[in-house]
PDB file of all heavy atoms in Angstrom:
ATOM      1  N   VAL A   1      -8.747  20.515  -1.319  1.00  0.00           N
ATOM      2  CA  VAL A   1      -7.779  19.770  -0.606  1.00  0.00           C
ATOM      3  C   VAL A   1      -8.350  18.448  -0.071  1.00  0.00           C
ATOM      4  O   VAL A   1      -9.436  18.502   0.395  1.00  0.00           O
ATOM      5  CB  VAL A   1      -7.078  20.457   0.554  1.00  0.00           C
ATOM      6  CG1 VAL A   1      -6.160  19.729   1.356  1.00  0.00           C
ATOM      7  CG2 VAL A   1      -6.238  21.610  -0.044  1.00  0.00           C
ATOM      8  N   ASN A   2      -7.691  17.310  -0.198  1.00  0.00           N
ATOM      9  CA  ASN A   2      -8.168  16.004   0.281  1.00  0.00           C
ATOM     10  C   ASN A   2      -7.667  15.773   1.740  1.00  0.00           C
ATOM     11  O   ASN A   2      -6.636  16.295   2.076  1.00  0.00           O
ATOM     12  CB  ASN A   2      -7.683  14.889  -0.604  1.00  0.00           C
ATOM     13  CG  ASN A   2      -8.168  14.986  -2.045  1.00  0.00           C
ATOM     14  OD1 ASN A   2      -7.458  15.529  -2.834  1.00  0.00           O
ATOM     15  ND2 ASN A   2      -9.387  14.540  -2.244  1.00  0.00           N
ATOM     16  N   GLY A   3      -8.401  14.961   2.416  1.00  0.00           N
ATOM     17  CA  GLY A   3      -7.986  14.612   3.755  1.00  0.00           C
ATOM     18  C   GLY A   3      -7.093  13.398   3.630  1.00  0.00           C
ATOM     19  O   GLY A   3      -7.159  12.576   2.760  1.00  0.00           O
ATOM     20  N   ILE A   4      -6.035  13.395   4.630  1.00  0.00           N
ATOM     21  CA  ILE A   4      -5.176  12.290   4.587  1.00  0.00           C
ATOM     22  C   ILE A   4      -4.988  11.712   6.115  1.00  0.00           C
ATOM     23  O   ILE A   4      -4.924  12.435   7.059  1.00  0.00           O
ATOM     24  CB  ILE A   4      -3.680  12.785   4.054  1.00  0.00           C
ATOM     25  CG1 ILE A   4      -2.639  11.625   4.011  1.00  0.00           C
ATOM     26  CG2 ILE A   4      -3.190  13.950   4.891  1.00  0.00           C
ATOM     27  CD1 ILE A   4      -2.830  10.672   2.818  1.00  0.00           C
ATOM     28  N   GLU A   5      -4.945  10.440   6.237  1.00  0.00           N
ATOM     29  CA  GLU A   5      -4.645   9.717   7.421  1.00  0.00           C
ATOM     30  C   GLU A   5      -3.698   8.634   7.119  1.00  0.00           C
ATOM     31  O   GLU A   5      -3.866   7.853   6.162  1.00  0.00           O
ATOM     32  CB  GLU A   5      -5.905   9.114   7.980  1.00  0.00           C
ATOM     33  CG  GLU A   5      -7.069  10.151   8.374  1.00  0.00           C
ATOM     34  CD  GLU A   5      -8.283   9.425   8.655  1.00  0.00           C
ATOM     35  OE1 GLU A   5      -8.273   8.525   9.689  1.00  0.00           O
ATOM     36  OE2 GLU A   5      -9.206   9.457   7.823  1.00  0.00           O
ATOM     37  N   PHE A   6      -2.670   8.519   7.907  1.00  0.00           N
ATOM     38  CA  PHE A   6      -1.740   7.333   7.962  1.00  0.00           C
ATOM     39  C   PHE A   6      -2.042   6.498   9.040  1.00  0.00           C
ATOM     40  O   PHE A   6      -2.399   7.018  10.178  1.00  0.00           O
ATOM     41  CB  PHE A   6      -0.349   7.793   7.928  1.00  0.00           C
ATOM     42  CG  PHE A   6       0.120   8.569   6.604  1.00  0.00           C
ATOM     43  CD1 PHE A   6       0.180   9.817   6.689  1.00  0.00           C
ATOM     44  CD2 PHE A   6       0.523   7.713   5.581  1.00  0.00           C
ATOM     45  CE1 PHE A   6       0.537  10.550   5.409  1.00  0.00           C
ATOM     46  CE2 PHE A   6       0.878   8.473   4.296  1.00  0.00           C
ATOM     47  CZ  PHE A   6       0.937   9.845   4.265  1.00  0.00           C
ATOM     48  N   PHE A   7      -1.964   5.240   8.981  1.00  0.00           N
ATOM     49  CA  PHE A   7      -2.130   4.337  10.085  1.00  0.00           C
ATOM     50  C   PHE A   7      -1.164   3.180   9.924  1.00  0.00           C
ATOM     51  O   PHE A   7      -0.581   2.890   8.817  1.00  0.00           O
ATOM     52  CB  PHE A   7      -3.548   3.853  10.149  1.00  0.00           C
ATOM     53  CG  PHE A   7      -4.104   3.125   8.916  1.00  0.00           C
ATOM     54  CD1 PHE A   7      -4.049   1.781   8.842  1.00  0.00           C
ATOM     55  CD2 PHE A   7      -4.687   3.926   7.977  1.00  0.00           C
ATOM     56  CE1 PHE A   7      -4.537   1.166   7.744  1.00  0.00           C
ATOM     57  CE2 PHE A   7      -5.269   3.342   6.858  1.00  0.00           C
ATOM     58  CZ  PHE A   7      -5.326   1.970   6.682  1.00  0.00           C
ATOM     59  N   GLN A   8      -0.821   2.440  11.027  1.00  0.00           N
ATOM     60  CA  GLN A   8      -0.003   1.201  10.938  1.00  0.00           C
ATOM     61  C   GLN A   8      -0.789   0.097  11.553  1.00  0.00           C
ATOM     62  O   GLN A   8      -1.738   0.248  12.436  1.00  0.00           O
ATOM     63  CB  GLN A   8       1.178   1.453  11.828  1.00  0.00           C
ATOM     64  CG  GLN A   8       2.127   2.480  11.288  1.00  0.00           C
ATOM     65  CD  GLN A   8       3.515   2.687  12.190  1.00  0.00           C
ATOM     66  OE1 GLN A   8       3.510   2.105  13.204  1.00  0.00           O
ATOM     67  NE2 GLN A   8       4.378   3.375  11.601  1.00  0.00           N
ATOM     68  N   TYR A   9      -0.562  -1.063  11.113  1.00  0.00           N
ATOM     69  CA  TYR A   9      -1.156  -2.299  11.551  1.00  0.00           C
ATOM     70  C   TYR A   9      -0.118  -3.418  11.336  1.00  0.00           C
ATOM     71  O   TYR A   9       0.747  -3.391  10.573  1.00  0.00           O
ATOM     72  CB  TYR A   9      -2.480  -2.586  10.867  1.00  0.00           C
ATOM     73  CG  TYR A   9      -2.430  -2.764   9.425  1.00  0.00           C
ATOM     74  CD1 TYR A   9      -2.409  -4.012   8.858  1.00  0.00           C
ATOM     75  CD2 TYR A   9      -2.481  -1.691   8.471  1.00  0.00           C
ATOM     76  CE1 TYR A   9      -2.337  -4.200   7.426  1.00  0.00           C
ATOM     77  CE2 TYR A   9      -2.476  -1.832   7.162  1.00  0.00           C
ATOM     78  CZ  TYR A   9      -2.281  -3.154   6.616  1.00  0.00           C
ATOM     79  OH  TYR A   9      -2.249  -3.257   5.257  1.00  0.00           O
ATOM     80  N   PRO A  10      -0.348  -4.521  12.089  1.00  0.00           N
ATOM     81  CA  PRO A  10       0.586  -5.663  11.989  1.00  0.00           C
ATOM     82  C   PRO A  10       0.213  -6.472  10.718  1.00  0.00           C
ATOM     83  O   PRO A  10      -0.905  -6.832  10.565  1.00  0.00           O
ATOM     84  CB  PRO A  10       0.378  -6.452  13.194  1.00  0.00           C
ATOM     85  CG  PRO A  10      -0.955  -6.026  13.702  1.00  0.00           C
ATOM     86  CD  PRO A  10      -1.283  -4.730  13.165  1.00  0.00           C
ATOM     87  N   PRO A  11       1.233  -6.837   9.960  1.00  0.00           N
ATOM     88  CA  PRO A  11       0.997  -7.686   8.748  1.00  0.00           C
ATOM     89  C   PRO A  11       0.900  -9.153   9.361  1.00  0.00           C
ATOM     90  O   PRO A  11       1.036  -9.377  10.504  1.00  0.00           O
ATOM     91  CB  PRO A  11       2.192  -7.450   7.945  1.00  0.00           C
ATOM     92  CG  PRO A  11       3.268  -7.189   8.961  1.00  0.00           C
ATOM     93  CD  PRO A  11       2.609  -6.382   9.961  1.00  0.00           C
ATOM     94  N   GLN A  12       0.734 -10.066   8.311  1.00  0.00           N
ATOM     95  CA  GLN A  12       0.725 -11.506   8.836  1.00  0.00           C
ATOM     96  C   GLN A  12       2.169 -11.882   9.266  1.00  0.00           C
ATOM     97  O   GLN A  12       2.187 -12.780  10.217  1.00  0.00           O
ATOM     98  CB  GLN A  12       0.298 -12.308   7.650  1.00  0.00           C
ATOM     99  CG  GLN A  12      -1.183 -12.095   7.209  1.00  0.00           C
ATOM    100  CD  GLN A  12      -1.600 -13.038   6.068  1.00  0.00           C
ATOM    101  OE1 GLN A  12      -0.869 -13.859   5.764  1.00  0.00           O
ATOM    102  NE2 GLN A  12      -2.772 -12.742   5.721  1.00  0.00           N
ATOM    103  N   ASP A  13       3.144 -11.355   8.839  1.00  0.00           N
ATOM    104  CA  ASP A  13       4.468 -11.513   9.483  1.00  0.00           C
ATOM    105  C   ASP A  13       5.401 -10.322   9.122  1.00  0.00           C
ATOM    106  O   ASP A  13       5.151  -9.650   8.238  1.00  0.00           O
ATOM    107  CB  ASP A  13       5.087 -12.952   8.983  1.00  0.00           C
ATOM    108  CG  ASP A  13       5.163 -12.926   7.425  1.00  0.00           C
ATOM    109  OD1 ASP A  13       4.890 -11.834   6.759  1.00  0.00           O
ATOM    110  OD2 ASP A  13       5.516 -13.969   6.933  1.00  0.00           O
ATOM    111  N   GLY A  14       6.392 -10.074   9.932  1.00  0.00           N
ATOM    112  CA  GLY A  14       7.340  -8.925   9.622  1.00  0.00           C
ATOM    113  C   GLY A  14       6.959  -7.697  10.464  1.00  0.00           C
ATOM    114  O   GLY A  14       6.114  -7.733  11.438  1.00  0.00           O
ATOM    115  N   GLY A  15       7.553  -6.616  10.054  1.00  0.00           N
ATOM    116  CA  GLY A  15       7.287  -5.374  10.760  1.00  0.00           C
ATOM    117  C   GLY A  15       6.102  -4.646  10.506  1.00  0.00           C
ATOM    118  O   GLY A  15       5.286  -5.195   9.708  1.00  0.00           O
ATOM    119  N   PRO A  16       5.899  -3.556  11.089  1.00  0.00           N
ATOM    120  CA  PRO A  16       4.605  -2.783  10.847  1.00  0.00           C
ATOM    121  C   PRO A  16       4.313  -2.509   9.344  1.00  0.00           C
ATOM    122  O   PRO A  16       5.340  -2.273   8.656  1.00  0.00           O
ATOM    123  CB  PRO A  16       4.658  -1.546  11.695  1.00  0.00           C
ATOM    124  CG  PRO A  16       6.118  -1.328  11.808  1.00  0.00           C
ATOM    125  CD  PRO A  16       6.804  -2.663  11.872  1.00  0.00           C
ATOM    126  N   VAL A  17       3.064  -2.302   8.981  1.00  0.00           N
ATOM    127  CA  VAL A  17       2.667  -1.938   7.652  1.00  0.00           C
ATOM    128  C   VAL A  17       1.985  -0.574   7.770  1.00  0.00           C
ATOM    129  O   VAL A  17       1.224  -0.393   8.591  1.00  0.00           O
ATOM    130  CB  VAL A  17       1.738  -3.015   7.093  1.00  0.00           C
ATOM    131  CG1 VAL A  17       1.116  -2.554   5.796  1.00  0.00           C
ATOM    132  CG2 VAL A  17       2.512  -4.298   6.940  1.00  0.00           C
ATOM    133  N   TRP A  18       2.232   0.262   6.792  1.00  0.00           N
ATOM    134  CA  TRP A  18       1.661   1.567   6.795  1.00  0.00           C
ATOM    135  C   TRP A  18       0.472   1.510   5.836  1.00  0.00           C
ATOM    136  O   TRP A  18       0.633   1.098   4.662  1.00  0.00           O
ATOM    137  CB  TRP A  18       2.718   2.575   6.311  1.00  0.00           C
ATOM    138  CG  TRP A  18       3.686   3.060   7.240  1.00  0.00           C
ATOM    139  CD1 TRP A  18       4.771   2.303   7.620  1.00  0.00           C
ATOM    140  CD2 TRP A  18       3.722   4.210   7.932  1.00  0.00           C
ATOM    141  NE1 TRP A  18       5.507   2.989   8.597  1.00  0.00           N
ATOM    142  CE2 TRP A  18       4.901   4.253   8.776  1.00  0.00           C
ATOM    143  CE3 TRP A  18       2.887   5.357   8.076  1.00  0.00           C
ATOM    144  CZ2 TRP A  18       5.177   5.283   9.678  1.00  0.00           C
ATOM    145  CZ3 TRP A  18       3.251   6.420   8.901  1.00  0.00           C
ATOM    146  CH2 TRP A  18       4.446   6.277   9.640  1.00  0.00           C
ATOM    147  N   GLY A  19      -0.679   2.024   6.237  1.00  0.00           N
ATOM    148  CA  GLY A  19      -1.795   2.124   5.543  1.00  0.00           C
ATOM    149  C   GLY A  19      -2.168   3.639   5.272  1.00  0.00           C
ATOM    150  O   GLY A  19      -1.687   4.572   6.053  1.00  0.00           O
ATOM    151  N   VAL A  20      -3.062   3.855   4.421  1.00  0.00           N
ATOM    152  CA  VAL A  20      -3.375   5.378   4.070  1.00  0.00           C
ATOM    153  C   VAL A  20      -5.020   5.485   3.904  1.00  0.00           C
ATOM    154  O   VAL A  20      -5.537   4.610   3.229  1.00  0.00           O
ATOM    155  CB  VAL A  20      -2.781   5.789   2.824  1.00  0.00           C
ATOM    156  CG1 VAL A  20      -3.108   7.202   2.594  1.00  0.00           C
ATOM    157  CG2 VAL A  20      -1.281   5.610   2.886  1.00  0.00           C
ATOM    158  N   ARG A  21      -5.610   6.495   4.474  1.00  0.00           N
ATOM    159  CA  ARG A  21      -6.929   6.807   4.180  1.00  0.00           C
ATOM    160  C   ARG A  21      -6.890   8.162   3.431  1.00  0.00           C
ATOM    161  O   ARG A  21      -6.233   9.101   3.960  1.00  0.00           O
ATOM    162  CB  ARG A  21      -7.761   6.879   5.425  1.00  0.00           C
ATOM    163  CG  ARG A  21      -8.062   5.473   6.038  1.00  0.00           C
ATOM    164  CD  ARG A  21      -9.062   5.602   7.163  1.00  0.00           C
ATOM    165  NE  ARG A  21      -8.953   4.520   8.151  1.00  0.00           N
ATOM    166  CZ  ARG A  21      -8.262   4.377   9.231  1.00  0.00           C
ATOM    167  NH1 ARG A  21      -7.791   5.495   9.723  1.00  0.00           N
ATOM    168  NH2 ARG A  21      -8.453   3.318   9.963  1.00  0.00           N
ATOM    169  N   VAL A  22      -7.635   8.212   2.318  1.00  0.00           N
ATOM    170  CA  VAL A  22      -7.716   9.460   1.588  1.00  0.00           C
ATOM    171  C   VAL A  22      -9.317   9.741   1.711  1.00  0.00           C
ATOM    172  O   VAL A  22     -10.145   8.985   1.382  1.00  0.00           O
ATOM    173  CB  VAL A  22      -7.367   9.382   0.103  1.00  0.00           C
ATOM    174  CG1 VAL A  22      -7.637  10.716  -0.703  1.00  0.00           C
ATOM    175  CG2 VAL A  22      -5.884   8.953   0.007  1.00  0.00           C
ATOM    176  N   ASP A  23      -9.510  10.986   2.267  1.00  0.00           N
ATOM    177  CA  ASP A  23     -10.963  11.466   2.463  1.00  0.00           C
ATOM    178  C   ASP A  23     -11.728  10.264   3.311  1.00  0.00           C
ATOM    179  O   ASP A  23     -12.871  10.064   2.975  1.00  0.00           O
ATOM    180  CB  ASP A  23     -11.641  11.803   1.121  1.00  0.00           C
ATOM    181  CG  ASP A  23     -10.976  12.882   0.594  1.00  0.00           C
ATOM    182  OD1 ASP A  23     -10.446  13.811   1.180  1.00  0.00           O
ATOM    183  OD2 ASP A  23     -11.034  13.067  -0.744  1.00  0.00           O
ATOM    184  N   GLY A  24     -11.018   9.717   4.230  1.00  0.00           N
ATOM    185  CA  GLY A  24     -11.646   8.768   5.223  1.00  0.00           C
ATOM    186  C   GLY A  24     -11.842   7.351   4.682  1.00  0.00           C
ATOM    187  O   GLY A  24     -12.375   6.425   5.274  1.00  0.00           O
ATOM    188  N   THR A  25     -11.353   7.020   3.398  1.00  0.00           N
ATOM    189  CA  THR A  25     -11.455   5.788   2.789  1.00  0.00           C
ATOM    190  C   THR A  25     -10.138   5.190   2.448  1.00  0.00           C
ATOM    191  O   THR A  25      -9.158   5.816   1.992  1.00  0.00           O
ATOM    192  CB  THR A  25     -12.300   5.834   1.408  1.00  0.00           C
ATOM    193  OG1 THR A  25     -13.499   6.409   1.770  1.00  0.00           O
ATOM    194  CG2 THR A  25     -12.337   4.510   0.760  1.00  0.00           C
ATOM    195  N   ASP A  26      -9.970   3.992   2.789  1.00  0.00           N
ATOM    196  CA  ASP A  26      -8.640   3.205   2.653  1.00  0.00           C
ATOM    197  C   ASP A  26      -8.213   3.328   1.141  1.00  0.00           C
ATOM    198  O   ASP A  26      -9.138   3.042   0.263  1.00  0.00           O
ATOM    199  CB  ASP A  26      -8.855   1.748   3.136  1.00  0.00           C
ATOM    200  CG  ASP A  26      -7.479   0.976   3.277  1.00  0.00           C
ATOM    201  OD1 ASP A  26      -6.698   0.996   2.297  1.00  0.00           O
ATOM    202  OD2 ASP A  26      -7.332   0.360   4.306  1.00  0.00           O
ATOM    203  N   LEU A  27      -6.965   3.647   0.973  1.00  0.00           N
ATOM    204  CA  LEU A  27      -6.408   3.697  -0.401  1.00  0.00           C
ATOM    205  C   LEU A  27      -6.683   2.470  -1.205  1.00  0.00           C
ATOM    206  O   LEU A  27      -6.823   2.536  -2.379  1.00  0.00           O
ATOM    207  CB  LEU A  27      -5.009   4.209  -0.495  1.00  0.00           C
ATOM    208  CG  LEU A  27      -4.314   4.485  -1.733  1.00  0.00           C
ATOM    209  CD1 LEU A  27      -5.031   5.525  -2.577  1.00  0.00           C
ATOM    210  CD2 LEU A  27      -2.824   4.798  -1.644  1.00  0.00           C
ATOM    211  N   ARG A  28      -6.647   1.267  -0.438  1.00  0.00           N
ATOM    212  CA  ARG A  28      -6.831   0.026  -1.158  1.00  0.00           C
ATOM    213  C   ARG A  28      -8.239  -0.068  -1.642  1.00  0.00           C
ATOM    214  O   ARG A  28      -8.435  -0.621  -2.763  1.00  0.00           O
ATOM    215  CB  ARG A  28      -6.514  -1.068  -0.146  1.00  0.00           C
ATOM    216  CG  ARG A  28      -5.114  -1.220   0.193  1.00  0.00           C
ATOM    217  CD  ARG A  28      -4.936  -2.269   1.366  1.00  0.00           C
ATOM    218  NE  ARG A  28      -5.507  -1.746   2.519  1.00  0.00           N
ATOM    219  CZ  ARG A  28      -5.536  -2.482   3.697  1.00  0.00           C
ATOM    220  NH1 ARG A  28      -5.128  -3.742   3.615  1.00  0.00           N
ATOM    221  NH2 ARG A  28      -6.103  -2.028   4.770  1.00  0.00           N
ATOM    222  N   ALA A  29      -9.228   0.454  -1.092  1.00  0.00           N
ATOM    223  CA  ALA A  29     -10.662   0.588  -1.459  1.00  0.00           C
ATOM    224  C   ALA A  29     -10.615   1.437  -2.777  1.00  0.00           C
ATOM    225  O   ALA A  29     -11.282   1.157  -3.652  1.00  0.00           O
ATOM    226  CB  ALA A  29     -11.463   0.994  -0.359  1.00  0.00           C
ATOM    227  N   HIS A  30     -10.126   2.578  -2.672  1.00  0.00           N
ATOM    228  CA  HIS A  30     -10.012   3.487  -3.923  1.00  0.00           C
ATOM    229  C   HIS A  30      -9.394   2.746  -5.049  1.00  0.00           C
ATOM    230  O   HIS A  30      -9.982   2.863  -6.142  1.00  0.00           O
ATOM    231  CB  HIS A  30      -9.240   4.769  -3.621  1.00  0.00           C
ATOM    232  CG  HIS A  30      -9.851   5.755  -2.718  1.00  0.00           C
ATOM    233  ND1 HIS A  30     -10.962   6.496  -3.033  1.00  0.00           N
ATOM    234  CD2 HIS A  30      -9.603   6.221  -1.450  1.00  0.00           C
ATOM    235  CE1 HIS A  30     -11.295   7.306  -2.102  1.00  0.00           C
ATOM    236  NE2 HIS A  30     -10.438   7.179  -1.057  1.00  0.00           N
ATOM    237  N   THR A  31      -8.394   2.015  -4.882  1.00  0.00           N
ATOM    238  CA  THR A  31      -7.637   1.245  -5.795  1.00  0.00           C
ATOM    239  C   THR A  31      -8.507   0.225  -6.467  1.00  0.00           C
ATOM    240  O   THR A  31      -8.528  -0.015  -7.701  1.00  0.00           O
ATOM    241  CB  THR A  31      -6.329   0.787  -5.284  1.00  0.00           C
ATOM    242  OG1 THR A  31      -5.538   1.932  -4.847  1.00  0.00           O
ATOM    243  CG2 THR A  31      -5.461   0.125  -6.466  1.00  0.00           C
ATOM    244  N   ALA A  32      -9.159  -0.600  -5.649  1.00  0.00           N
ATOM    245  CA  ALA A  32      -9.960  -1.666  -6.024  1.00  0.00           C
ATOM    246  C   ALA A  32     -11.046  -1.165  -6.945  1.00  0.00           C
ATOM    247  O   ALA A  32     -11.225  -1.817  -8.051  1.00  0.00           O
ATOM    248  CB  ALA A  32     -10.552  -2.437  -4.854  1.00  0.00           C
TER     249      ALA A  32
END
């Protein structure tokens, strides 16, 4: 089983943005 964390942060404009960490690493890093 993998670890999961959700987080929110402010984007450059607009409402909150949801981010995800899988096993402690941002999903954007895994994707890159």
